């Protein structure tokens, strides 16, 4: 089975804006072409910002083509465990728990947000 990746909110925004370096864009193109996977919290975070209609349509199209992982009891319980053990914001803890429960690698530029969490695998497309 091919490795699956969970795309963090900052990478969704940077990818769609074309801000990633060439290697990062190539890597993300490959990931996105195999159905992007995001946490429901990423959808909430990204679509929660006011943007112009063109950007809104692009974002909605991206999420319509994505596999959105909703909260489950396992993810909620893992989020609680992570928050008890680490000083981390709830949205980041949800993304971490989603990755751990589903054995996804998180694609993010904010690796420091997740460094203290045991068992997480991270890729920063800015430093490939």
Foldseek 3Di string as FASTA:
>chain_A
DDAAAEEALVCVVCQVVVNAPPQLVVVVVVNVVVAHEYEVLSLCVNLVDDDDPVVNVVSVVSVVRHHYHYDDPQLVVQLVVCVVVDVADSSVSSRQSVCQVVVHAYEDCPVVRPVVDPPHHYDDSNVD
